[in-house]
Amino acid sequence: MATKFIKIKCMKCGNSQVAFSHTNKDIRCQKCDALLLQPKGGKAHLVDAEIEEEYND
């Protein structure tokens, strides 16, 4: 599976931000500090977020 950047939306505050789909660290909301993505040894797991858009090459 190809890696890509994704635009995710925080389910708690509605803030949107771009993250790497296969991140190796926790990604938190820049506005409310909620945990959005957790690394899982491959594709990151969505926690309190939903994917708004995927950016392909």
Protein backbone atom coordinates (compact mmCIF):
# COMPACT_ATOMS: atom_id res chain seq x y z
CA MET A 1 0.00 0.00 0.00
CA ALA A 2 1.28 3.44 -0.91
CA THR A 3 2.03 6.00 1.73
CA LYS A 4 0.42 9.40 1.40
CA PHE A 5 -0.50 12.55 3.19
CA ILE A 6 -4.03 12.82 4.56
CA LYS A 7 -6.13 15.73 5.75
CA ILE A 8 -7.78 14.78 9.03
CA LYS A 9 -10.49 16.50 11.04
CA CYS A 10 -10.57 16.45 14.84
CA MET A 11 -13.87 15.04 16.09
CA LYS A 12 -13.69 17.11 19.30
CA CYS A 13 -13.10 20.65 17.99
CA GLY A 14 -13.42 20.40 14.18
CA ASN A 15 -9.87 21.56 13.45
CA SER A 16 -8.32 20.18 10.22
CA GLN A 17 -4.66 19.40 9.65
CA VAL A 18 -2.46 17.38 7.32
CA ALA A 19 -0.55 14.30 8.54
CA PHE A 20 1.43 11.40 7.08
CA SER A 21 -0.63 8.21 6.68
CA HIS A 22 2.16 5.98 8.05
CA THR A 23 3.40 8.19 10.88
CA ASN A 24 5.75 6.76 13.52
CA LYS A 25 4.64 9.08 16.34
CA ASP A 26 1.38 10.17 17.96
CA ILE A 27 -0.34 13.02 16.13
CA ARG A 28 -2.32 15.41 18.31
CA CYS A 29 -4.71 18.20 17.38
CA GLN A 30 -2.93 21.53 17.11
CA LYS A 31 -5.94 23.30 18.63
CA CYS A 32 -7.29 21.11 21.49
CA ASP A 33 -4.45 18.53 21.91
CA ALA A 34 -6.75 15.50 21.35
CA LEU A 35 -5.02 12.34 20.12
CA LEU A 36 -5.81 11.98 16.40
CA LEU A 37 -3.47 9.28 15.05
CA GLN A 38 -1.46 6.49 16.67
CA PRO A 39 1.31 4.53 14.93
CA LYS A 40 0.61 0.81 14.46
CA GLY A 41 3.70 -0.44 12.60
CA GLY A 42 2.24 0.50 9.23
CA LYS A 43 -0.75 2.65 8.47
CA ALA A 44 -1.61 4.85 11.45
CA HIS A 45 -4.80 4.20 13.44
CA LEU A 46 -7.42 6.99 13.61
CA VAL A 47 -8.44 7.76 17.20
CA ASP A 48 -10.48 10.99 17.50
CA ALA A 49 -10.33 11.95 13.82
CA GLU A 50 -11.85 11.29 10.43
CA ILE A 51 -10.21 11.54 7.02
CA GLU A 52 -11.37 14.53 5.00
CA GLU A 53 -9.07 14.15 1.99
CA GLU A 54 -6.21 11.98 0.71
CA TYR A 55 -3.40 13.48 -1.31
CA ASN A 56 -1.98 11.19 -4.02
CA ASP A 57 1.19 11.64 -6.07
